Amino acid sequence: MTMQPSTSGNRTIAWPSVITVISAAILIGAEVFGAAFAGGWALAILFGLGDQGAHILQAVLFALGVLVMTAFIRGAQRVEPFTRRA
């Protein structure tokens, strides 16, 4: 049985990049999910949907917020790589 070399080579975690992206994600996530909660509540009142309509709108906007945050993390990882060669 032969041992094949690792295709990734020696990689180390770039902690400054990871911390930067996580910090930005926390800040942006608070804004996105806060806007989803408030937006769902406001739209439900605007359209007279009641409490259940507000919860449904909040859930839909929350799901959109998850998509936004996923796209942000992926984009940020391209700009600030999480690993580097040792």
N, C-alpha and C. Protein backbone atom coordinates (compact mmCIF):
# COMPACT_ATOMS: atom_id res chain seq x y z
N MET A 1 0.85 -1.18 0.00
CA MET A 1 0.00 0.00 0.00
C MET A 1 0.89 1.24 0.00
N THR A 2 0.65 2.15 -0.91
CA THR A 2 1.48 3.35 -1.02
C THR A 2 0.78 4.53 -0.37
N MET A 3 1.58 5.37 0.23
CA MET A 3 1.05 6.59 0.86
C MET A 3 1.12 7.72 -0.15
N GLN A 4 -0.01 8.36 -0.40
CA GLN A 4 -0.03 9.48 -1.33
C GLN A 4 0.11 10.77 -0.55
N PRO A 5 0.86 11.73 -1.10
CA PRO A 5 1.00 13.01 -0.41
C PRO A 5 -0.33 13.75 -0.38
N SER A 6 -0.48 14.55 0.63
CA SER A 6 -1.69 15.36 0.76
C SER A 6 -1.77 16.38 -0.36
N THR A 7 -2.95 16.54 -0.95
CA THR A 7 -3.10 17.50 -2.03
C THR A 7 -3.14 18.93 -1.52
N SER A 8 -3.47 19.11 -0.24
CA SER A 8 -3.56 20.46 0.29
C SER A 8 -2.21 20.99 0.76
N GLY A 9 -1.23 20.13 0.92
CA GLY A 9 0.08 20.58 1.40
C GLY A 9 -0.01 21.01 2.85
N ASN A 10 1.01 21.70 3.31
CA ASN A 10 0.99 22.23 4.67
C ASN A 10 0.25 23.55 4.68
N ARG A 11 -0.86 23.58 5.33
CA ARG A 11 -1.67 24.80 5.41
C ARG A 11 -1.87 25.15 6.88
N THR A 12 -1.85 26.43 7.16
CA THR A 12 -2.13 26.91 8.51
C THR A 12 -3.33 27.86 8.44
N ILE A 13 -3.99 27.98 9.55
CA ILE A 13 -5.15 28.87 9.62
C ILE A 13 -4.65 30.31 9.74
N ALA A 14 -5.20 31.18 8.93
CA ALA A 14 -4.86 32.61 8.95
C ALA A 14 -5.81 33.28 9.94
N TRP A 15 -5.45 33.25 11.22
CA TRP A 15 -6.34 33.73 12.28
C TRP A 15 -6.78 35.18 12.10
N PRO A 16 -5.93 36.10 11.69
CA PRO A 16 -6.42 37.47 11.50
C PRO A 16 -7.55 37.56 10.47
N SER A 17 -7.46 36.78 9.41
CA SER A 17 -8.52 36.77 8.40
C SER A 17 -9.80 36.16 8.95
N VAL A 18 -9.66 35.06 9.68
CA VAL A 18 -10.83 34.38 10.26
C VAL A 18 -11.54 35.31 11.24
N ILE A 19 -10.78 35.96 12.10
CA ILE A 19 -11.36 36.85 13.11
C ILE A 19 -12.03 38.05 12.44
N THR A 20 -11.42 38.58 11.39
CA THR A 20 -12.02 39.71 10.66
C THR A 20 -13.35 39.33 10.06
N VAL A 21 -13.41 38.18 9.39
CA VAL A 21 -14.65 37.74 8.74
C VAL A 21 -15.72 37.43 9.78
N ILE A 22 -15.36 36.76 10.86
CA ILE A 22 -16.34 36.44 11.90
C ILE A 22 -16.88 37.72 12.54
N SER A 23 -16.01 38.67 12.81
CA SER A 23 -16.46 39.93 13.41
C SER A 23 -17.42 40.67 12.48
N ALA A 24 -17.09 40.73 11.21
CA ALA A 24 -17.98 41.39 10.25
C ALA A 24 -19.29 40.63 10.12
N ALA A 25 -19.24 39.30 10.16
CA ALA A 25 -20.46 38.50 10.06
C ALA A 25 -21.38 38.73 11.25
N ILE A 26 -20.81 38.89 12.44
CA ILE A 26 -21.62 39.17 13.63
C ILE A 26 -22.32 40.51 13.48
N LEU A 27 -21.58 41.52 13.06
CA LEU A 27 -22.15 42.85 12.88
C LEU A 27 -23.24 42.85 11.80
N ILE A 28 -22.93 42.31 10.65
CA ILE A 28 -23.89 42.30 9.55
C ILE A 28 -25.07 41.39 9.87
N GLY A 29 -24.81 40.27 10.53
CA GLY A 29 -25.89 39.36 10.91
C GLY A 29 -26.88 40.01 11.85
N ALA A 30 -26.39 40.78 12.81
CA ALA A 30 -27.29 41.48 13.73
C ALA A 30 -28.19 42.44 12.96
N GLU A 31 -27.64 43.11 11.98
CA GLU A 31 -28.43 44.04 11.18
C GLU A 31 -29.44 43.31 10.29
N VAL A 32 -28.98 42.24 9.64
CA VAL A 32 -29.85 41.50 8.72
C VAL A 32 -31.01 40.85 9.47
N PHE A 33 -30.72 40.18 10.57
CA PHE A 33 -31.78 39.47 11.28
C PHE A 33 -32.66 40.42 12.07
N GLY A 34 -32.11 41.53 12.54
CA GLY A 34 -32.94 42.56 13.16
C GLY A 34 -33.89 43.18 12.16
N ALA A 35 -33.41 43.42 10.95
CA ALA A 35 -34.26 43.96 9.89
C ALA A 35 -35.33 42.96 9.49
N ALA A 36 -35.01 41.69 9.48
CA ALA A 36 -36.00 40.65 9.14
C ALA A 36 -37.11 40.63 10.18
N PHE A 37 -36.74 40.69 11.43
CA PHE A 37 -37.74 40.66 12.50
C PHE A 37 -38.62 41.91 12.45
N ALA A 38 -38.00 43.07 12.38
CA ALA A 38 -38.75 44.33 12.36
C ALA A 38 -39.55 44.48 11.06
N GLY A 39 -38.95 44.07 9.95
CA GLY A 39 -39.63 44.18 8.67
C GLY A 39 -40.86 43.29 8.59
N GLY A 40 -40.76 42.07 9.10
CA GLY A 40 -41.91 41.17 9.12
C GLY A 40 -43.03 41.73 9.96
N TRP A 41 -42.69 42.27 11.10
CA TRP A 41 -43.68 42.88 12.00
C TRP A 41 -44.34 44.09 11.33
N ALA A 42 -43.54 44.96 10.73
CA ALA A 42 -44.06 46.17 10.10
C ALA A 42 -44.94 45.85 8.89
N LEU A 43 -44.50 44.91 8.06
CA LEU A 43 -45.30 44.55 6.89
C LEU A 43 -46.61 43.88 7.29
N ALA A 44 -46.58 43.08 8.34
CA ALA A 44 -47.81 42.43 8.80
C ALA A 44 -48.81 43.48 9.29
N ILE A 45 -48.34 44.51 9.97
CA ILE A 45 -49.23 45.58 10.41
C ILE A 45 -49.73 46.37 9.21
N LEU A 46 -48.84 46.67 8.28
CA LEU A 46 -49.21 47.45 7.10
C LEU A 46 -50.32 46.76 6.30
N PHE A 47 -50.20 45.45 6.14
CA PHE A 47 -51.17 44.72 5.34
C PHE A 47 -52.28 44.07 6.18
N GLY A 48 -52.28 44.30 7.49
CA GLY A 48 -53.32 43.77 8.36
C GLY A 48 -53.35 42.25 8.42
N LEU A 49 -52.19 41.63 8.53
CA LEU A 49 -52.10 40.17 8.50
C LEU A 49 -52.25 39.50 9.87
N GLY A 50 -52.15 40.24 10.93
CA GLY A 50 -52.29 39.66 12.27
C GLY A 50 -51.00 39.02 12.74
N ASP A 51 -51.09 38.39 13.91
CA ASP A 51 -49.90 37.81 14.54
C ASP A 51 -49.32 36.65 13.73
N GLN A 52 -50.20 35.79 13.24
CA GLN A 52 -49.69 34.64 12.49
C GLN A 52 -49.03 35.08 11.19
N GLY A 53 -49.60 36.05 10.52
CA GLY A 53 -48.99 36.60 9.31
C GLY A 53 -47.64 37.22 9.60
N ALA A 54 -47.54 37.89 10.75
CA ALA A 54 -46.26 38.50 11.14
C ALA A 54 -45.20 37.42 11.34
N HIS A 55 -45.57 36.32 12.00
CA HIS A 55 -44.60 35.25 12.23
C HIS A 55 -44.17 34.59 10.93
N ILE A 56 -45.10 34.43 10.00
CA ILE A 56 -44.76 33.84 8.71
C ILE A 56 -43.82 34.76 7.93
N LEU A 57 -44.14 36.06 7.89
CA LEU A 57 -43.26 37.00 7.20
C LEU A 57 -41.88 37.06 7.85
N GLN A 58 -41.83 37.03 9.17
CA GLN A 58 -40.55 37.05 9.86
C GLN A 58 -39.73 35.80 9.51
N ALA A 59 -40.39 34.64 9.42
CA ALA A 59 -39.69 33.41 9.08
C ALA A 59 -39.15 33.47 7.66
N VAL A 60 -39.95 34.00 6.72
CA VAL A 60 -39.50 34.12 5.33
C VAL A 60 -38.32 35.09 5.24
N LEU A 61 -38.42 36.23 5.89
CA LEU A 61 -37.33 37.21 5.86
C LEU A 61 -36.10 36.69 6.59
N PHE A 62 -36.29 35.90 7.64
CA PHE A 62 -35.18 35.29 8.35
C PHE A 62 -34.45 34.32 7.42
N ALA A 63 -35.21 33.52 6.65
CA ALA A 63 -34.59 32.58 5.69
C ALA A 63 -33.80 33.35 4.63
N LEU A 64 -34.34 34.46 4.16
CA LEU A 64 -33.59 35.30 3.21
C LEU A 64 -32.32 35.84 3.86
N GLY A 65 -32.41 36.18 5.14
CA GLY A 65 -31.24 36.65 5.87
C GLY A 65 -30.15 35.59 5.96
N VAL A 66 -30.56 34.33 6.13
CA VAL A 66 -29.58 33.24 6.15
C VAL A 66 -28.87 33.14 4.80
N LEU A 67 -29.63 33.29 3.71
CA LEU A 67 -29.02 33.27 2.39
C LEU A 67 -28.04 34.44 2.21
N VAL A 68 -28.42 35.61 2.68
CA VAL A 68 -27.54 36.78 2.59
C VAL A 68 -26.25 36.54 3.38
N MET A 69 -26.38 35.99 4.58
CA MET A 69 -25.20 35.75 5.40
C MET A 69 -24.30 34.68 4.80
N THR A 70 -24.90 33.65 4.21
CA THR A 70 -24.12 32.61 3.55
C THR A 70 -23.33 33.20 2.38
N ALA A 71 -23.99 34.03 1.59
CA ALA A 71 -23.31 34.68 0.47
C ALA A 71 -22.20 35.60 0.96
N PHE A 72 -22.45 36.30 2.06
CA PHE A 72 -21.42 37.19 2.62
C PHE A 72 -20.19 36.40 3.06
N ILE A 73 -20.41 35.32 3.80
CA ILE A 73 -19.28 34.53 4.31
C ILE A 73 -18.48 33.95 3.14
N ARG A 74 -19.16 33.44 2.13
CA ARG A 74 -18.44 32.88 0.98
C ARG A 74 -17.65 33.94 0.23
N GLY A 75 -18.25 35.11 0.04
CA GLY A 75 -17.54 36.19 -0.62
C GLY A 75 -16.36 36.70 0.19
N ALA A 76 -16.57 36.81 1.50
CA ALA A 76 -15.49 37.28 2.38
C ALA A 76 -14.35 36.28 2.42
N GLN A 77 -14.67 35.01 2.34
CA GLN A 77 -13.62 34.00 2.37
C GLN A 77 -12.76 34.06 1.11
N ARG A 78 -13.33 34.48 -0.01
CA ARG A 78 -12.54 34.65 -1.24
C ARG A 78 -11.57 35.82 -1.10
N VAL A 79 -12.02 36.88 -0.44
CA VAL A 79 -11.19 38.07 -0.28
C VAL A 79 -10.16 37.87 0.83
N GLU A 80 -10.59 37.28 1.93
CA GLU A 80 -9.72 37.02 3.09
C GLU A 80 -9.61 35.52 3.28
N PRO A 81 -8.68 34.83 2.61
CA PRO A 81 -8.58 33.37 2.72
C PRO A 81 -8.36 32.94 4.17
N PHE A 82 -9.01 31.83 4.55
CA PHE A 82 -8.92 31.33 5.92
C PHE A 82 -7.66 30.49 6.15
N THR A 83 -7.01 30.05 5.07
CA THR A 83 -5.80 29.25 5.21
C THR A 83 -4.71 29.84 4.32
N ARG A 84 -3.48 29.49 4.67
CA ARG A 84 -2.34 29.90 3.86
C ARG A 84 -1.29 28.77 3.94
N ARG A 85 -0.44 28.75 2.96
CA ARG A 85 0.61 27.73 2.95
C ARG A 85 1.67 28.05 4.00
N ALA A 86 2.09 27.00 4.66
CA ALA A 86 3.10 27.18 5.73
C ALA A 86 4.48 27.31 5.16
